[in-house]
Amino acid sequence: MVEIEQLRSAMSLAVNMDAEAFNLSLPYWKLKEYKKGEFYNEYHNVCKHLGFIIHGVFRIYRSDDETSEEKNMLFFSERQFVASYTSFLSQKPCNYFTASLGRSLILYIHIDSLNLLYKESHQWERFGRYIAETAFHQLMANTEGFLFKSAEQRYMDMMNQHPDILKAVPIYHLASYLGIQAPSLSRIRKRLASK
């Protein structure tokens, strides 16, 4: 299956996982297609799956109870792992939604299967550490970005991390993620295009 080979390649790059260790996981991965707006994980649900995005983009967001305004926190795009990380790692209900922004395809694995793999293989334990470190890094990068970087610098960081995001994500979602209004993002894009 082509999708499994993409995952195998990504795992090899991420944690130098060899074929023997990777093959232990083959019975556990499942393929799922998502429609636009379909939830990967919902508010107050425990995230039980780790996904690997074959194609598409997912966002993590929270909706304000009073205004219903949505605030985007993270995007996940092709060849990245997706989960509501806080919930996935703690196995407690999450405080936000994770949803597909368009037609998407992922391979996913259940937390119980991952825990079995962690017991079977040091390489899978290393992968578990990689997932936890990735979640921590994303949290710190976002926090530091808001504290120490301009909106333009955050936009450039986002484009480096998700090069094809403009094709899949409406500008108002990108602006929300950056903590600015859509007209401000348009000005940033025009300024960068003229350089």
N, C-alpha and C. Protein backbone atom coordinates (compact mmCIF):
# COMPACT_ATOMS: atom_id res chain seq x y z
N MET A 1 0.85 -1.18 0.00
CA MET A 1 0.00 0.00 0.00
C MET A 1 0.90 1.24 0.00
N VAL A 2 0.63 2.16 -0.91
CA VAL A 2 1.43 3.38 -1.07
C VAL A 2 1.45 4.20 0.21
N GLU A 3 0.30 4.31 0.87
CA GLU A 3 0.20 5.12 2.09
C GLU A 3 1.11 4.60 3.21
N ILE A 4 1.17 3.26 3.33
CA ILE A 4 2.03 2.65 4.35
C ILE A 4 3.50 2.95 4.04
N GLU A 5 3.85 2.95 2.75
CA GLU A 5 5.24 3.25 2.38
C GLU A 5 5.59 4.70 2.69
N GLN A 6 4.62 5.62 2.53
CA GLN A 6 4.86 7.02 2.91
C GLN A 6 5.10 7.13 4.41
N LEU A 7 4.29 6.42 5.18
CA LEU A 7 4.46 6.41 6.63
C LEU A 7 5.80 5.80 7.01
N ARG A 8 6.15 4.68 6.39
CA ARG A 8 7.44 4.02 6.68
C ARG A 8 8.60 4.98 6.46
N SER A 9 8.56 5.72 5.35
CA SER A 9 9.60 6.68 5.02
C SER A 9 9.66 7.80 6.08
N ALA A 10 8.50 8.31 6.48
CA ALA A 10 8.45 9.37 7.48
C ALA A 10 9.00 8.89 8.83
N MET A 11 8.68 7.67 9.21
CA MET A 11 9.15 7.12 10.49
C MET A 11 10.66 6.90 10.46
N SER A 12 11.15 6.48 9.31
CA SER A 12 12.59 6.29 9.16
C SER A 12 13.33 7.62 9.33
N LEU A 13 12.78 8.68 8.73
CA LEU A 13 13.40 10.00 8.84
C LEU A 13 13.27 10.56 10.26
N ALA A 14 12.11 10.39 10.87
CA ALA A 14 11.85 10.99 12.18
C ALA A 14 12.67 10.35 13.29
N VAL A 15 12.71 9.03 13.33
CA VAL A 15 13.36 8.35 14.46
C VAL A 15 14.29 7.23 14.01
N ASN A 16 14.63 7.21 12.71
CA ASN A 16 15.53 6.19 12.18
C ASN A 16 15.00 4.78 12.45
N MET A 17 13.67 4.61 12.33
CA MET A 17 13.06 3.31 12.60
C MET A 17 13.38 2.33 11.47
N ASP A 18 13.84 1.15 11.85
CA ASP A 18 14.17 0.15 10.83
C ASP A 18 12.92 -0.64 10.42
N ALA A 19 13.06 -1.41 9.34
CA ALA A 19 11.93 -2.12 8.76
C ALA A 19 11.33 -3.13 9.73
N GLU A 20 12.18 -3.83 10.48
CA GLU A 20 11.69 -4.85 11.41
C GLU A 20 10.79 -4.23 12.48
N ALA A 21 11.22 -3.12 13.06
CA ALA A 21 10.41 -2.46 14.09
C ALA A 21 9.14 -1.90 13.48
N PHE A 22 9.25 -1.27 12.31
CA PHE A 22 8.06 -0.70 11.68
C PHE A 22 7.03 -1.78 11.38
N ASN A 23 7.49 -2.93 10.90
CA ASN A 23 6.58 -4.01 10.52
C ASN A 23 5.75 -4.52 11.69
N LEU A 24 6.23 -4.33 12.92
CA LEU A 24 5.43 -4.72 14.09
C LEU A 24 4.10 -3.97 14.12
N SER A 25 4.07 -2.78 13.53
CA SER A 25 2.88 -1.93 13.59
C SER A 25 1.87 -2.19 12.47
N LEU A 26 2.25 -2.96 11.47
CA LEU A 26 1.40 -3.10 10.28
C LEU A 26 -0.03 -3.54 10.56
N PRO A 27 -0.27 -4.46 11.50
CA PRO A 27 -1.66 -4.85 11.75
C PRO A 27 -2.53 -3.74 12.36
N TYR A 28 -1.92 -2.69 12.87
CA TYR A 28 -2.65 -1.70 13.66
C TYR A 28 -3.08 -0.45 12.90
N TRP A 29 -2.43 -0.14 11.79
CA TRP A 29 -2.76 1.09 11.06
C TRP A 29 -4.02 0.91 10.24
N LYS A 30 -4.86 1.92 10.25
CA LYS A 30 -6.10 1.92 9.46
C LYS A 30 -6.14 3.20 8.63
N LEU A 31 -6.77 3.12 7.47
CA LEU A 31 -6.88 4.26 6.56
C LEU A 31 -8.27 4.87 6.70
N LYS A 32 -8.33 6.21 6.75
CA LYS A 32 -9.63 6.87 6.86
C LYS A 32 -9.63 8.14 6.03
N GLU A 33 -10.74 8.36 5.33
CA GLU A 33 -10.92 9.59 4.57
C GLU A 33 -11.85 10.51 5.36
N TYR A 34 -11.52 11.79 5.36
CA TYR A 34 -12.32 12.81 6.04
C TYR A 34 -12.88 13.79 5.02
N LYS A 35 -14.11 14.23 5.27
CA LYS A 35 -14.72 15.28 4.46
C LYS A 35 -14.40 16.63 5.10
N LYS A 36 -14.60 17.69 4.34
CA LYS A 36 -14.39 19.04 4.86
C LYS A 36 -15.25 19.24 6.11
N GLY A 37 -14.62 19.72 7.19
CA GLY A 37 -15.33 20.00 8.43
C GLY A 37 -15.53 18.81 9.34
N GLU A 38 -15.18 17.61 8.88
CA GLU A 38 -15.37 16.42 9.71
C GLU A 38 -14.34 16.42 10.86
N PHE A 39 -14.81 16.04 12.04
CA PHE A 39 -13.95 16.07 13.21
C PHE A 39 -13.03 14.86 13.29
N TYR A 40 -11.78 15.15 13.58
CA TYR A 40 -10.82 14.11 13.95
C TYR A 40 -11.00 13.81 15.43
N ASN A 41 -11.19 14.88 16.21
CA ASN A 41 -11.49 14.76 17.63
C ASN A 41 -12.35 15.95 18.04
N GLU A 42 -13.34 15.70 18.88
CA GLU A 42 -14.26 16.76 19.28
C GLU A 42 -13.98 17.27 20.69
N TYR A 43 -14.49 18.45 20.94
CA TYR A 43 -14.39 19.11 22.24
C TYR A 43 -14.91 18.18 23.33
N HIS A 44 -14.17 18.05 24.40
CA HIS A 44 -14.49 17.24 25.58
C HIS A 44 -14.40 15.74 25.33
N ASN A 45 -13.91 15.32 24.18
CA ASN A 45 -13.65 13.90 23.94
C ASN A 45 -12.18 13.60 24.20
N VAL A 46 -11.89 12.37 24.57
CA VAL A 46 -10.50 11.94 24.73
C VAL A 46 -9.99 11.52 23.36
N CYS A 47 -8.82 12.04 22.98
CA CYS A 47 -8.21 11.69 21.70
C CYS A 47 -7.54 10.32 21.83
N LYS A 48 -8.05 9.35 21.12
CA LYS A 48 -7.58 7.96 21.22
C LYS A 48 -6.70 7.53 20.06
N HIS A 49 -6.52 8.40 19.06
CA HIS A 49 -5.79 8.01 17.86
C HIS A 49 -4.70 9.00 17.50
N LEU A 50 -3.62 8.47 16.96
CA LEU A 50 -2.57 9.28 16.35
C LEU A 50 -2.69 9.06 14.85
N GLY A 51 -2.75 10.14 14.10
CA GLY A 51 -2.90 10.03 12.66
C GLY A 51 -1.66 10.51 11.93
N PHE A 52 -1.47 9.98 10.74
CA PHE A 52 -0.42 10.44 9.83
C PHE A 52 -1.12 10.92 8.56
N ILE A 53 -0.92 12.17 8.21
CA ILE A 53 -1.67 12.77 7.10
C ILE A 53 -1.04 12.41 5.76
N ILE A 54 -1.81 11.73 4.95
CA ILE A 54 -1.38 11.39 3.58
C ILE A 54 -1.62 12.59 2.68
N HIS A 55 -2.81 13.15 2.73
CA HIS A 55 -3.09 14.42 2.08
C HIS A 55 -4.20 15.15 2.82
N GLY A 56 -4.16 16.49 2.71
CA GLY A 56 -5.14 17.31 3.40
C GLY A 56 -4.52 18.13 4.51
N VAL A 57 -5.36 18.92 5.17
CA VAL A 57 -4.95 19.80 6.26
C VAL A 57 -5.99 19.69 7.37
N PHE A 58 -5.51 19.63 8.60
CA PHE A 58 -6.37 19.63 9.79
C PHE A 58 -6.03 20.86 10.62
N ARG A 59 -7.00 21.31 11.39
CA ARG A 59 -6.74 22.43 12.30
C ARG A 59 -7.24 22.06 13.69
N ILE A 60 -6.55 22.60 14.70
CA ILE A 60 -7.03 22.52 16.08
C ILE A 60 -7.53 23.92 16.41
N TYR A 61 -8.75 23.97 16.95
CA TYR A 61 -9.32 25.28 17.27
C TYR A 61 -10.24 25.16 18.47
N ARG A 62 -10.55 26.34 19.01
CA ARG A 62 -11.49 26.42 20.11
C ARG A 62 -12.53 27.48 19.76
N SER A 63 -13.75 27.24 20.16
CA SER A 63 -14.84 28.17 19.89
C SER A 63 -15.22 28.89 21.18
N ASP A 64 -15.28 30.22 21.12
CA ASP A 64 -15.66 31.03 22.29
C ASP A 64 -17.13 30.76 22.61
N ASP A 65 -17.41 30.40 23.86
CA ASP A 65 -18.77 30.06 24.27
C ASP A 65 -19.75 31.22 24.10
N GLU A 66 -19.28 32.44 24.30
CA GLU A 66 -20.17 33.60 24.23
C GLU A 66 -20.33 34.15 22.82
N THR A 67 -19.24 34.24 22.07
CA THR A 67 -19.29 34.88 20.74
C THR A 67 -19.33 33.87 19.60
N SER A 68 -19.03 32.61 19.88
CA SER A 68 -18.90 31.54 18.87
C SER A 68 -17.74 31.78 17.91
N GLU A 69 -16.88 32.77 18.23
CA GLU A 69 -15.70 33.01 17.40
C GLU A 69 -14.72 31.87 17.58
N GLU A 70 -14.19 31.39 16.45
CA GLU A 70 -13.24 30.29 16.49
C GLU A 70 -11.82 30.83 16.47
N LYS A 71 -10.97 30.27 17.33
CA LYS A 71 -9.56 30.63 17.40
C LYS A 71 -8.74 29.42 17.00
N ASN A 72 -7.98 29.55 15.92
CA ASN A 72 -7.14 28.45 15.45
C ASN A 72 -5.84 28.42 16.23
N MET A 73 -5.46 27.21 16.67
CA MET A 73 -4.26 27.05 17.48
C MET A 73 -3.12 26.39 16.71
N LEU A 74 -3.43 25.38 15.91
CA LEU A 74 -2.41 24.64 15.16
C LEU A 74 -2.99 24.16 13.85
N PHE A 75 -2.11 24.00 12.86
CA PHE A 75 -2.45 23.33 11.61
C PHE A 75 -1.55 22.11 11.47
N PHE A 76 -2.07 21.07 10.85
CA PHE A 76 -1.30 19.87 10.53
C PHE A 76 -1.50 19.62 9.04
N SER A 77 -0.42 19.41 8.31
CA SER A 77 -0.53 19.19 6.87
C SER A 77 0.18 17.89 6.48
N GLU A 78 0.28 17.65 5.18
CA GLU A 78 0.77 16.37 4.67
C GLU A 78 2.12 15.98 5.26
N ARG A 79 2.21 14.68 5.54
CA ARG A 79 3.41 14.05 6.09
C ARG A 79 3.70 14.48 7.53
N GLN A 80 2.67 14.96 8.21
CA GLN A 80 2.81 15.28 9.63
C GLN A 80 1.87 14.38 10.42
N PHE A 81 2.20 14.20 11.69
CA PHE A 81 1.33 13.45 12.59
C PHE A 81 0.32 14.41 13.19
N VAL A 82 -0.91 13.93 13.34
CA VAL A 82 -1.98 14.75 13.87
C VAL A 82 -2.60 14.06 15.08
N ALA A 83 -2.84 14.86 16.11
CA ALA A 83 -3.55 14.40 17.31
C ALA A 83 -3.91 15.65 18.10
N SER A 84 -4.88 15.52 18.96
CA SER A 84 -5.13 16.55 19.97
C SER A 84 -4.14 16.20 21.08
N TYR A 85 -2.91 16.68 20.92
CA TYR A 85 -1.77 16.16 21.69
C TYR A 85 -1.97 16.15 23.20
N THR A 86 -2.48 17.22 23.78
CA THR A 86 -2.65 17.25 25.23
C THR A 86 -3.55 16.11 25.68
N SER A 87 -4.64 15.93 24.97
CA SER A 87 -5.58 14.86 25.29
C SER A 87 -4.97 13.49 24.99
N PHE A 88 -4.30 13.37 23.86
CA PHE A 88 -3.72 12.10 23.45
C PHE A 88 -2.67 11.62 24.45
N LEU A 89 -1.80 12.54 24.88
CA LEU A 89 -0.72 12.15 25.79
C LEU A 89 -1.21 11.91 27.21
N SER A 90 -2.24 12.65 27.65
CA SER A 90 -2.75 12.50 29.02
C SER A 90 -3.93 11.53 29.11
N GLN A 91 -4.56 11.26 27.96
CA GLN A 91 -5.79 10.47 27.89
C GLN A 91 -6.89 11.07 28.77
N LYS A 92 -6.98 12.41 28.70
CA LYS A 92 -8.06 13.17 29.34
C LYS A 92 -8.80 13.95 28.27
N PRO A 93 -10.06 14.34 28.53
CA PRO A 93 -10.82 15.09 27.52
C PRO A 93 -10.10 16.37 27.10
N CYS A 94 -10.21 16.70 25.81
CA CYS A 94 -9.53 17.90 25.32
C CYS A 94 -10.47 19.10 25.34
N ASN A 95 -9.87 20.27 25.30
CA ASN A 95 -10.61 21.52 25.39
C ASN A 95 -10.77 22.21 24.04
N TYR A 96 -10.61 21.45 22.95
CA TYR A 96 -10.72 22.04 21.62
C TYR A 96 -11.13 20.99 20.61
N PHE A 97 -11.37 21.44 19.41
CA PHE A 97 -11.77 20.58 18.30
C PHE A 97 -10.57 20.37 17.38
N THR A 98 -10.53 19.22 16.71
CA THR A 98 -9.59 18.98 15.63
C THR A 98 -10.43 18.54 14.44
N ALA A 99 -10.33 19.29 13.32
CA ALA A 99 -11.19 19.02 12.18
C ALA A 99 -10.43 19.15 10.87
N SER A 100 -10.93 18.47 9.85
CA SER A 100 -10.36 18.54 8.51
C SER A 100 -10.84 19.81 7.81
N LEU A 101 -9.93 20.46 7.08
CA LEU A 101 -10.28 21.67 6.35
C LEU A 101 -10.66 21.39 4.90
N GLY A 102 -10.63 20.15 4.52
CA GLY A 102 -11.01 19.75 3.17
C GLY A 102 -10.95 18.24 3.10
N ARG A 103 -11.12 17.70 1.92
CA ARG A 103 -11.02 16.25 1.78
C ARG A 103 -9.61 15.83 2.19
N SER A 104 -9.53 14.90 3.13
CA SER A 104 -8.24 14.49 3.68
C SER A 104 -8.20 12.98 3.82
N LEU A 105 -6.98 12.45 3.84
CA LEU A 105 -6.77 11.02 4.01
C LEU A 105 -5.67 10.82 5.04
N ILE A 106 -5.94 9.98 6.02
CA ILE A 106 -4.92 9.70 7.04
C ILE A 106 -4.81 8.20 7.28
N LEU A 107 -3.65 7.80 7.79
CA LEU A 107 -3.46 6.51 8.42
C LEU A 107 -3.51 6.80 9.92
N TYR A 108 -4.19 5.98 10.69
CA TYR A 108 -4.25 6.24 12.12
C TYR A 108 -4.06 4.94 12.91
N ILE A 109 -3.63 5.14 14.16
CA ILE A 109 -3.38 4.01 15.06
C ILE A 109 -3.97 4.35 16.43
N HIS A 110 -4.53 3.38 17.10
CA HIS A 110 -5.15 3.56 18.42
C HIS A 110 -4.07 3.61 19.50
N ILE A 111 -4.30 4.40 20.53
CA ILE A 111 -3.36 4.54 21.65
C ILE A 111 -3.02 3.20 22.29
N ASP A 112 -3.99 2.29 22.39
CA ASP A 112 -3.73 0.98 22.99
C ASP A 112 -2.72 0.19 22.16
N SER A 113 -2.84 0.29 20.83
CA SER A 113 -1.88 -0.38 19.94
C SER A 113 -0.49 0.23 20.09
N LEU A 114 -0.43 1.55 20.19
CA LEU A 114 0.87 2.20 20.40
C LEU A 114 1.50 1.75 21.71
N ASN A 115 0.70 1.66 22.76
CA ASN A 115 1.25 1.23 24.05
C ASN A 115 1.81 -0.19 23.97
N LEU A 116 1.15 -1.07 23.20
CA LEU A 116 1.69 -2.42 22.99
C LEU A 116 3.03 -2.35 22.27
N LEU A 117 3.11 -1.49 21.25
CA LEU A 117 4.36 -1.35 20.49
C LEU A 117 5.48 -0.79 21.36
N TYR A 118 5.15 0.15 22.25
CA TYR A 118 6.16 0.71 23.15
C TYR A 118 6.79 -0.39 24.00
N LYS A 119 5.97 -1.37 24.41
CA LYS A 119 6.47 -2.48 25.24
C LYS A 119 7.32 -3.46 24.44
N GLU A 120 7.02 -3.54 23.13
CA GLU A 120 7.72 -4.52 22.28
C GLU A 120 9.04 -4.03 21.74
N SER A 121 9.22 -2.72 21.62
CA SER A 121 10.37 -2.23 20.87
C SER A 121 10.88 -0.90 21.42
N HIS A 122 12.21 -0.83 21.58
CA HIS A 122 12.82 0.44 22.01
C HIS A 122 12.67 1.50 20.93
N GLN A 123 12.64 1.09 19.66
CA GLN A 123 12.46 2.06 18.59
C GLN A 123 11.07 2.69 18.66
N TRP A 124 10.08 1.92 19.05
CA TRP A 124 8.73 2.48 19.22
C TRP A 124 8.67 3.37 20.46
N GLU A 125 9.41 3.01 21.51
CA GLU A 125 9.49 3.91 22.67
C GLU A 125 10.09 5.25 22.26
N ARG A 126 11.13 5.18 21.43
CA ARG A 126 11.76 6.40 20.93
C ARG A 126 10.77 7.22 20.11
N PHE A 127 9.93 6.54 19.33
CA PHE A 127 8.90 7.23 18.57
C PHE A 127 7.91 7.93 19.51
N GLY A 128 7.52 7.26 20.59
CA GLY A 128 6.62 7.88 21.57
C GLY A 128 7.22 9.14 22.16
N ARG A 129 8.52 9.10 22.44
CA ARG A 129 9.22 10.28 22.95
C ARG A 129 9.23 11.38 21.88
N TYR A 130 9.44 10.99 20.63
CA TYR A 130 9.43 11.94 19.52
C TYR A 130 8.09 12.66 19.43
N ILE A 131 6.98 11.93 19.58
CA ILE A 131 5.65 12.53 19.52
C ILE A 131 5.46 13.53 20.66
N ALA A 132 5.88 13.14 21.87
CA ALA A 132 5.75 14.04 23.03
C ALA A 132 6.62 15.29 22.85
N GLU A 133 7.84 15.10 22.35
CA GLU A 133 8.73 16.24 22.13
C GLU A 133 8.20 17.16 21.03
N THR A 134 7.61 16.57 20.00
CA THR A 134 7.04 17.37 18.92
C THR A 134 5.90 18.24 19.45
N ALA A 135 5.05 17.65 20.28
CA ALA A 135 3.93 18.42 20.86
C ALA A 135 4.47 19.56 21.71
N PHE A 136 5.47 19.29 22.53
CA PHE A 136 6.05 20.32 23.38
C PHE A 136 6.68 21.43 22.53
N HIS A 137 7.41 21.03 21.51
CA HIS A 137 8.06 22.01 20.63
C HIS A 137 7.02 22.92 19.96
N GLN A 138 5.93 22.33 19.46
CA GLN A 138 4.89 23.14 18.81
C GLN A 138 4.29 24.14 19.79
N LEU A 139 4.02 23.69 21.01
CA LEU A 139 3.46 24.58 22.03
C LEU A 139 4.41 25.73 22.33
N MET A 140 5.69 25.42 22.54
CA MET A 140 6.67 26.46 22.86
C MET A 140 6.89 27.40 21.67
N ALA A 141 6.95 26.86 20.46
CA ALA A 141 7.16 27.71 19.29
C ALA A 141 6.00 28.69 19.13
N ASN A 142 4.77 28.22 19.33
CA ASN A 142 3.61 29.11 19.23
C ASN A 142 3.63 30.17 20.32
N THR A 143 3.91 29.76 21.55
CA THR A 143 3.94 30.71 22.66
C THR A 143 5.03 31.76 22.45
N GLU A 144 6.23 31.31 22.10
CA GLU A 144 7.32 32.25 21.85
C GLU A 144 7.03 33.15 20.66
N GLY A 145 6.37 32.59 19.64
CA GLY A 145 6.01 33.39 18.48
C GLY A 145 5.12 34.57 18.86
N PHE A 146 4.12 34.31 19.68
CA PHE A 146 3.22 35.39 20.09
C PHE A 146 3.91 36.39 21.02
N LEU A 147 4.87 35.92 21.80
CA LEU A 147 5.55 36.81 22.74
C LEU A 147 6.66 37.63 22.08
N PHE A 148 7.37 37.04 21.13
CA PHE A 148 8.60 37.67 20.66
C PHE A 148 8.68 37.95 19.16
N LYS A 149 7.70 37.53 18.38
CA LYS A 149 7.79 37.71 16.94
C LYS A 149 6.64 38.58 16.43
N SER A 150 6.89 39.24 15.32
CA SER A 150 5.84 40.02 14.67
C SER A 150 4.90 39.08 13.93
N ALA A 151 3.75 39.59 13.54
CA ALA A 151 2.79 38.79 12.76
C ALA A 151 3.43 38.35 11.45
N GLU A 152 4.25 39.22 10.86
CA GLU A 152 4.91 38.86 9.61
C GLU A 152 5.89 37.71 9.81
N GLN A 153 6.64 37.73 10.90
CA GLN A 153 7.57 36.62 11.18
C GLN A 153 6.80 35.33 11.45
N ARG A 154 5.68 35.42 12.16
CA ARG A 154 4.86 34.22 12.42
C ARG A 154 4.29 33.67 11.12
N TYR A 155 3.89 34.57 10.22
CA TYR A 155 3.38 34.15 8.91
C TYR A 155 4.46 33.40 8.14
N MET A 156 5.67 33.94 8.13
CA MET A 156 6.77 33.27 7.40
C MET A 156 7.09 31.92 8.03
N ASP A 157 7.06 31.82 9.35
CA ASP A 157 7.27 30.53 10.02
C ASP A 157 6.19 29.52 9.60
N MET A 158 4.94 29.98 9.56
CA MET A 158 3.83 29.11 9.17
C MET A 158 4.03 28.60 7.74
N MET A 159 4.45 29.49 6.84
CA MET A 159 4.65 29.11 5.44
C MET A 159 5.81 28.12 5.29
N ASN A 160 6.83 28.25 6.14
CA ASN A 160 7.94 27.29 6.10
C ASN A 160 7.50 25.92 6.60
N GLN A 161 6.65 25.92 7.60
CA GLN A 161 6.19 24.65 8.17
C GLN A 161 5.12 23.98 7.30
N HIS A 162 4.28 24.78 6.64
CA HIS A 162 3.18 24.26 5.82
C HIS A 162 3.21 24.98 4.46
N PRO A 163 4.13 24.62 3.57
CA PRO A 163 4.31 25.39 2.32
C PRO A 163 3.07 25.47 1.43
N ASP A 164 2.21 24.49 1.46
CA ASP A 164 1.05 24.48 0.56
C ASP A 164 -0.24 24.92 1.25
N ILE A 165 -0.12 25.52 2.41
CA ILE A 165 -1.31 25.81 3.22
C ILE A 165 -2.25 26.81 2.56
N LEU A 166 -1.73 27.75 1.77
CA LEU A 166 -2.59 28.76 1.15
C LEU A 166 -3.60 28.14 0.18
N LYS A 167 -3.26 26.98 -0.37
CA LYS A 167 -4.17 26.31 -1.31
C LYS A 167 -5.35 25.67 -0.58
N ALA A 168 -5.16 25.34 0.70
CA ALA A 168 -6.15 24.54 1.41
C ALA A 168 -6.91 25.27 2.51
N VAL A 169 -6.38 26.40 2.96
CA VAL A 169 -6.94 27.04 4.15
C VAL A 169 -7.41 28.46 3.83
N PRO A 170 -8.67 28.79 4.13
CA PRO A 170 -9.16 30.16 3.91
C PRO A 170 -8.35 31.18 4.71
N ILE A 171 -8.21 32.36 4.16
CA ILE A 171 -7.38 33.40 4.77
C ILE A 171 -7.84 33.75 6.19
N TYR A 172 -9.15 33.70 6.46
CA TYR A 172 -9.61 34.06 7.80
C TYR A 172 -9.13 33.05 8.85
N HIS A 173 -8.95 31.77 8.45
CA HIS A 173 -8.40 30.78 9.38
C HIS A 173 -6.92 31.07 9.65
N LEU A 174 -6.20 31.43 8.60
CA LEU A 174 -4.79 31.75 8.76
C LEU A 174 -4.62 32.98 9.66
N ALA A 175 -5.45 33.99 9.43
CA ALA A 175 -5.39 35.21 10.24
C ALA A 175 -5.67 34.89 11.71
N SER A 176 -6.67 34.04 11.97
CA SER A 176 -7.00 33.65 13.34
C SER A 176 -5.81 32.96 14.00
N TYR A 177 -5.16 32.08 13.28
CA TYR A 177 -3.99 31.36 13.80
C TYR A 177 -2.87 32.35 14.16
N LEU A 178 -2.72 33.39 13.33
CA LEU A 178 -1.66 34.38 13.54
C LEU A 178 -2.04 35.43 14.58
N GLY A 179 -3.32 35.45 14.99
CA GLY A 179 -3.78 36.41 15.98
C GLY A 179 -4.00 37.80 15.42
N ILE A 180 -4.34 37.86 14.13
CA ILE A 180 -4.59 39.15 13.48
C ILE A 180 -5.88 39.07 12.68
N GLN A 181 -6.30 40.20 12.12
CA GLN A 181 -7.49 40.25 11.27
C GLN A 181 -7.09 39.95 9.82
N ALA A 182 -8.05 39.46 9.03
CA ALA A 182 -7.78 39.11 7.63
C ALA A 182 -7.18 40.26 6.82
N PRO A 183 -7.67 41.52 6.96
CA PRO A 183 -7.05 42.62 6.19
C PRO A 183 -5.56 42.82 6.53
N SER A 184 -5.20 42.61 7.79
CA SER A 184 -3.78 42.73 8.18
C SER A 184 -2.95 41.65 7.50
N LEU A 185 -3.50 40.45 7.42
CA LEU A 185 -2.78 39.36 6.75
C LEU A 185 -2.63 39.67 5.26
N SER A 186 -3.65 40.23 4.65
CA SER A 186 -3.56 40.61 3.23
C SER A 186 -2.43 41.61 3.01
N ARG A 187 -2.31 42.58 3.92
CA ARG A 187 -1.23 43.57 3.81
C ARG A 187 0.15 42.91 3.95
N ILE A 188 0.27 41.97 4.88
CA ILE A 188 1.54 41.25 5.06
C ILE A 188 1.89 40.50 3.79
N ARG A 189 0.93 39.81 3.21
CA ARG A 189 1.18 39.04 1.99
C ARG A 189 1.58 39.94 0.83
N LYS A 190 0.94 41.08 0.71
CA LYS A 190 1.30 42.03 -0.37
C LYS A 190 2.71 42.57 -0.16
N ARG A 191 3.02 42.90 1.08
CA ARG A 191 4.36 43.43 1.39
C ARG A 191 5.43 42.39 1.07
N LEU A 192 5.21 41.14 1.44
CA LEU A 192 6.20 40.10 1.18
C LEU A 192 6.31 39.79 -0.32
N ALA A 193 5.20 39.87 -1.03
CA ALA A 193 5.21 39.61 -2.47
C ALA A 193 5.99 40.69 -3.23
N SER A 194 6.04 41.89 -2.69
CA SER A 194 6.73 42.99 -3.38
C SER A 194 8.23 43.02 -3.09
N LYS A 195 8.69 42.17 -2.16
CA LYS A 195 10.13 42.16 -1.82
C LYS A 195 10.94 41.40 -2.86
